[in-house]
């Protein structure tokens, strides 16, 4: 259960007030921690931060070759098409993967000082989020090289990224809670994410490749597929986004995030005893 049935409205209000105060107090720690992790990650690397570009670009080239040449994919601007999918999916996958073990991996901190447990996860998402933005910088360069016509709908990039971030945070906090008690959850998560990747349209257009009406239905019901499709449409093809869909998944992201945070608050004192 995510929330205790005995929780009252007053308890929930208290949790939300505490959330505001903790974000003000510990938010800077999450940013500093993310910054330190980014520096440590490339400290002993010859190419330094260039690896944040080399890895996704190499993956894009591999999948472009496989799906664009071998499977004859016909989407316009296919290298950028697939790079956008890889960038957004990579953020989501890494975020969910890391959430399962983040409390156990930070046992040394959790057992010595108090810090809201979701702050540790937020810091990790800042790391992945920064890398995602770097990759989107590459997307912008590629759009210029491919002479993609840029329209006013590129501004939709901001709400799409925010919804993706909040949705990942919300789902991740829930997995973070259950990861404390279920040691095998990481294996289950890996299998589910692999299956979900092929249902999300990272390498193809879900709405076009899957027979109708199932393709369009899958795109609308799978939030990650919807967000990836929306991002491709507004950046590459100048299409008007589905505002109602963005609003719906934005509200879902907020609700799931709040439910996850309330769950962490309500159970975090027990985590030390388990780990």
Protein backbone atom coordinates (compact mmCIF):
# COMPACT_ATOMS: atom_id res chain seq x y z
CA UNK A 1 0.00 0.00 0.00
CA UNK A 2 1.28 3.45 -0.88
CA UNK A 3 -0.68 5.30 1.75
CA UNK A 4 -1.84 4.20 5.17
CA UNK A 5 -5.62 3.97 5.42
CA UNK A 6 -5.44 5.67 8.82
CA UNK A 7 -3.87 8.83 7.41
CA UNK A 8 -6.12 11.85 7.84
CA UNK A 9 -6.43 14.97 5.71
CA UNK A 10 -4.48 16.83 8.41
CA UNK A 11 -1.65 14.30 8.10
CA UNK A 12 -1.51 14.75 4.33
CA UNK A 13 -1.47 18.55 4.69
CA UNK A 14 1.36 18.25 7.18
CA UNK A 15 3.33 16.11 4.75
CA UNK A 16 2.87 18.67 1.96
CA UNK A 17 4.01 21.53 4.21
CA UNK A 18 7.01 19.45 5.19
CA UNK A 19 7.70 18.81 1.51
CA UNK A 20 7.87 22.55 0.82
CA UNK A 21 10.18 23.16 3.78
CA UNK A 22 12.45 20.23 2.95
CA UNK A 23 12.78 21.26 -0.69
CA UNK A 24 13.82 24.74 0.44
CA UNK A 25 16.27 23.35 2.99
CA UNK A 26 17.72 20.35 1.12
CA UNK A 27 17.22 21.42 -2.50
CA UNK A 28 20.66 23.03 -2.66
CA UNK A 29 22.18 19.80 -1.33
CA UNK A 30 20.59 17.84 -4.18
CA UNK A 31 22.08 20.26 -6.71
CA UNK A 32 25.55 20.24 -5.10
CA UNK A 33 25.50 16.46 -4.84
CA UNK A 34 24.54 16.11 -8.50
CA UNK A 35 27.28 18.54 -9.52
CA UNK A 36 29.87 16.61 -7.50
CA UNK A 37 28.76 13.30 -9.04
CA UNK A 38 29.08 14.72 -12.54
CA UNK A 39 32.62 15.94 -11.81
CA UNK A 40 33.68 12.63 -10.23
CA UNK A 41 32.25 10.70 -13.17
CA UNK A 42 34.65 12.29 -15.66
CA UNK A 43 37.54 13.18 -13.34
CA UNK A 44 39.88 10.41 -14.52
CA UNK A 45 38.60 10.23 -18.09
CA UNK A 46 40.82 11.33 -20.97
CA UNK A 47 37.87 12.67 -22.98
CA UNK A 48 36.21 14.11 -19.88
CA UNK A 49 32.65 15.35 -20.44
CA UNK A 50 32.83 14.42 -24.13
CA UNK A 51 31.68 10.93 -23.12
CA UNK A 52 28.26 12.39 -22.37
CA UNK A 53 28.04 13.13 -26.10
CA UNK A 54 29.98 10.19 -27.54
CA UNK A 55 27.85 7.46 -25.93
CA UNK A 56 24.42 8.64 -27.15
CA UNK A 57 25.78 9.59 -30.58
CA UNK A 58 27.32 6.12 -31.03
CA UNK A 59 24.07 4.47 -29.95
CA UNK A 60 22.17 6.65 -32.41
CA UNK A 61 24.48 5.60 -35.25
CA UNK A 62 24.10 1.91 -34.38
CA UNK A 63 20.30 2.02 -34.20
CA UNK A 64 20.07 4.23 -37.27
CA UNK A 65 22.03 1.60 -39.19
CA UNK A 66 19.94 -1.29 -37.85
CA UNK A 67 16.48 0.23 -38.15
CA UNK A 68 17.10 2.76 -40.92
CA UNK A 69 19.03 0.50 -43.30
CA UNK A 70 18.33 -3.10 -42.32
CA UNK A 71 14.64 -2.62 -41.46
CA UNK A 72 14.16 0.25 -43.93
CA UNK A 73 12.56 2.76 -41.54
CA UNK A 74 10.95 5.61 -43.47
CA UNK A 75 10.49 8.34 -40.84
CA UNK A 76 11.71 11.73 -41.97
CA UNK A 77 14.93 12.96 -40.30
CA UNK A 78 15.38 9.43 -38.98
CA UNK A 79 18.78 9.94 -37.22
CA UNK A 80 17.30 12.82 -35.16
CA UNK A 81 14.04 10.90 -34.77
CA UNK A 82 15.81 7.99 -33.14
CA UNK A 83 18.19 10.21 -31.13
CA UNK A 84 15.24 11.97 -29.46
CA UNK A 85 13.71 8.62 -28.53
CA UNK A 86 17.00 7.29 -27.14
CA UNK A 87 17.63 10.46 -25.14
CA UNK A 88 14.23 10.53 -23.43
CA UNK A 89 14.05 6.78 -22.88
CA UNK A 90 17.57 6.70 -21.44
CA UNK A 91 16.59 9.31 -18.84
CA UNK A 92 13.48 7.36 -17.83
CA UNK A 93 15.20 3.98 -17.77
CA UNK A 94 18.18 5.16 -15.74
CA UNK A 95 15.90 6.99 -13.34
CA UNK A 96 13.75 3.94 -12.65
CA UNK A 97 16.72 1.54 -12.52
CA UNK A 98 18.55 3.63 -9.93
CA UNK A 99 15.48 4.22 -7.77
CA UNK A 100 15.22 0.57 -6.70
CA UNK A 101 18.60 0.45 -4.94
CA UNK A 102 19.22 4.08 -4.05
CA UNK A 103 18.34 3.76 -0.36
CA UNK A 104 20.49 0.67 0.13
CA UNK A 105 23.37 2.24 -1.81
CA UNK A 106 23.25 5.30 0.47
CA UNK A 107 23.10 3.37 3.71
CA UNK A 108 26.17 5.19 5.09
CA UNK A 109 24.38 8.54 4.80
CA UNK A 110 20.93 7.41 5.85
CA UNK A 111 22.10 5.72 9.06
CA UNK A 112 24.16 8.71 10.24
CA UNK A 113 22.23 11.88 9.38
CA UNK A 114 18.64 12.72 8.60
CA UNK A 115 17.84 13.68 5.06
CA UNK A 116 14.52 13.19 3.27
CA UNK A 117 15.09 10.02 1.31
CA UNK A 118 13.57 11.35 -1.89
CA UNK A 119 16.25 14.08 -1.95
CA UNK A 120 18.83 11.39 -2.68
CA UNK A 121 16.77 10.28 -5.65
CA UNK A 122 16.15 13.86 -6.78
CA UNK A 123 19.91 14.43 -6.85
CA UNK A 124 20.36 11.39 -9.08
CA UNK A 125 17.65 12.62 -11.44
CA UNK A 126 19.44 15.97 -11.68
CA UNK A 127 22.49 14.08 -12.96
CA UNK A 128 20.48 12.21 -15.58
CA UNK A 129 18.52 15.35 -16.41
CA UNK A 130 21.70 17.32 -17.09
CA UNK A 131 22.93 14.60 -19.44
CA UNK A 132 19.56 14.60 -21.20
CA UNK A 133 19.81 18.36 -21.78
CA UNK A 134 23.33 17.93 -23.16
CA UNK A 135 21.97 15.35 -25.61
CA UNK A 136 19.20 17.74 -26.64
CA UNK A 137 21.93 20.26 -27.40
CA UNK A 138 23.18 17.71 -29.94
CA UNK A 139 19.61 17.41 -31.25
CA UNK A 140 19.56 21.16 -31.87
CA UNK A 141 22.84 21.00 -33.80
CA UNK A 142 21.53 18.09 -35.86
CA UNK A 143 18.32 19.99 -36.62
CA UNK A 144 20.41 22.84 -38.01
CA UNK A 145 22.58 20.48 -40.08
CA UNK A 146 19.52 18.66 -41.46
CA UNK A 147 17.83 22.03 -42.10
CA UNK A 148 14.76 21.16 -40.07
CA UNK A 149 12.19 23.94 -40.19
CA UNK A 150 11.82 25.34 -36.67
CA UNK A 151 8.38 26.54 -35.58
CA UNK A 152 6.95 28.13 -32.45
CA UNK A 153 5.96 24.66 -31.22
CA UNK A 154 9.58 24.01 -30.21
CA UNK A 155 8.64 25.84 -26.99
CA UNK A 156 6.62 22.75 -26.05
CA UNK A 157 10.02 21.18 -25.34
CA UNK A 158 9.91 22.72 -21.85
CA UNK A 159 6.61 21.25 -20.58
CA UNK A 160 7.39 17.86 -22.16
CA UNK A 161 10.73 17.65 -20.34
CA UNK A 162 9.14 18.79 -17.06
CA UNK A 163 6.37 16.18 -17.32
CA UNK A 164 8.93 13.47 -18.12
CA UNK A 165 11.03 14.52 -15.12
CA UNK A 166 8.07 14.58 -12.71
CA UNK A 167 6.65 11.32 -14.01
CA UNK A 168 10.02 9.59 -13.60
CA UNK A 169 10.39 11.09 -10.12
CA UNK A 170 6.90 9.95 -9.09
CA UNK A 171 7.24 6.40 -10.37
CA UNK A 172 10.80 6.23 -9.07
CA UNK A 173 9.86 7.22 -5.50
CA UNK A 174 7.29 4.42 -5.43
CA UNK A 175 9.85 1.89 -6.70
CA UNK A 176 12.31 3.40 -4.23
CA UNK A 177 9.96 2.53 -1.36
CA UNK A 178 9.35 -1.07 -2.42
CA UNK A 179 13.02 -1.55 -3.32
CA UNK A 180 13.85 -1.40 0.40
CA UNK A 181 11.72 -4.46 1.13
CA UNK A 182 11.93 -6.50 -2.10
CA UNK A 183 15.51 -7.47 -2.94
CA UNK A 184 14.55 -8.94 -6.31
CA UNK A 185 12.70 -5.85 -7.48
CA UNK A 186 15.70 -4.74 -9.56
CA UNK A 187 15.52 -7.90 -11.69
CA UNK A 188 11.78 -7.50 -12.18
CA UNK A 189 12.20 -3.84 -13.07
CA UNK A 190 14.84 -4.68 -15.67
CA UNK A 191 12.53 -7.15 -17.42
CA UNK A 192 9.56 -4.77 -17.36
CA UNK A 193 11.64 -1.87 -18.69
CA UNK A 194 12.98 -4.00 -21.55
CA UNK A 195 9.44 -4.97 -22.54
CA UNK A 196 8.24 -1.38 -22.15
CA UNK A 197 11.05 -0.07 -24.36
CA UNK A 198 9.67 -1.95 -27.37
CA UNK A 199 6.16 -0.70 -26.58
CA UNK A 200 7.31 2.91 -26.37
CA UNK A 201 8.48 3.48 -29.93
CA UNK A 202 12.07 4.41 -29.16
CA UNK A 203 13.14 3.11 -32.58
CA UNK A 204 9.92 3.50 -34.55
CA UNK A 205 6.62 5.36 -34.73
CA UNK A 206 4.14 3.49 -32.53
CA UNK A 207 1.04 5.03 -34.10
CA UNK A 208 2.12 4.15 -37.66
CA UNK A 209 3.88 0.82 -37.24
CA UNK A 210 1.28 -0.94 -35.10
CA UNK A 211 -2.07 -1.68 -36.78
CA UNK A 212 -4.85 0.75 -35.94
CA UNK A 213 -6.56 1.45 -33.66
CA UNK A 214 -4.04 -0.28 -31.36
CA UNK A 215 -1.05 1.83 -32.37
CA UNK A 216 -2.68 5.16 -31.58
CA UNK A 217 -4.23 3.73 -28.43
CA UNK A 218 -0.87 2.44 -27.22
CA UNK A 219 0.73 5.81 -27.88
CA UNK A 220 -1.91 7.64 -25.87
CA UNK A 221 -1.99 5.17 -22.96
CA UNK A 222 1.79 4.85 -22.60
CA UNK A 223 2.95 8.19 -21.15
CA UNK A 224 6.57 7.79 -22.24
CA UNK A 225 5.51 6.89 -25.78
CA UNK A 226 3.18 9.91 -25.81
CA UNK A 227 5.90 12.29 -24.59
CA UNK A 228 8.49 10.96 -27.06
CA UNK A 229 6.01 11.24 -29.93
CA UNK A 230 5.04 14.76 -28.87
CA UNK A 231 8.68 15.83 -28.68
CA UNK A 232 9.40 14.47 -32.16
CA UNK A 233 6.32 16.10 -33.63
CA UNK A 234 6.99 19.58 -32.25
CA UNK A 235 10.74 19.60 -32.90
CA UNK A 236 11.01 17.80 -36.23
CA UNK A 237 7.67 18.19 -37.96
CA UNK A 238 6.27 21.44 -36.54
CA UNK A 239 3.01 19.76 -35.57
CA UNK A 240 0.62 21.14 -32.99
CA UNK A 241 0.82 19.10 -29.77
CA UNK A 242 -2.16 17.38 -28.16
CA UNK A 243 -2.71 19.85 -25.35
CA UNK A 244 -5.29 17.72 -23.56
CA UNK A 245 -2.91 14.78 -23.56
CA UNK A 246 -0.11 16.92 -22.13
CA UNK A 247 -2.44 18.32 -19.50
CA UNK A 248 -3.67 14.85 -18.54
CA UNK A 249 -0.21 13.32 -18.18
CA UNK A 250 1.03 16.45 -16.44
CA UNK A 251 -1.68 16.05 -13.80
CA UNK A 252 -0.90 12.34 -13.52
CA UNK A 253 2.78 13.19 -13.01
CA UNK A 254 1.92 15.63 -10.20
CA UNK A 255 -0.41 13.15 -8.48
CA UNK A 256 2.06 10.26 -8.73
CA UNK A 257 4.90 12.46 -7.47
CA UNK A 258 2.91 13.63 -4.46
CA UNK A 259 1.76 10.07 -3.71
CA UNK A 260 5.37 8.86 -3.88
CA UNK A 261 6.66 11.61 -1.58
CA UNK A 262 3.88 11.03 0.96
CA UNK A 263 4.73 7.31 0.89
CA UNK A 264 8.42 8.03 1.55
CA UNK A 265 7.61 10.42 4.41
CA UNK A 266 5.23 7.95 6.01
CA UNK A 267 7.69 5.04 5.90
CA UNK A 268 11.19 6.51 5.95
CA UNK A 269 11.77 5.89 9.66
CA UNK A 270 11.40 2.17 9.02
CA UNK A 271 13.97 2.07 6.22
CA UNK A 272 16.94 2.27 8.59
CA UNK A 273 15.74 -0.84 10.41
CA UNK A 274 15.45 -2.83 7.17
CA UNK A 275 18.71 -1.89 5.45
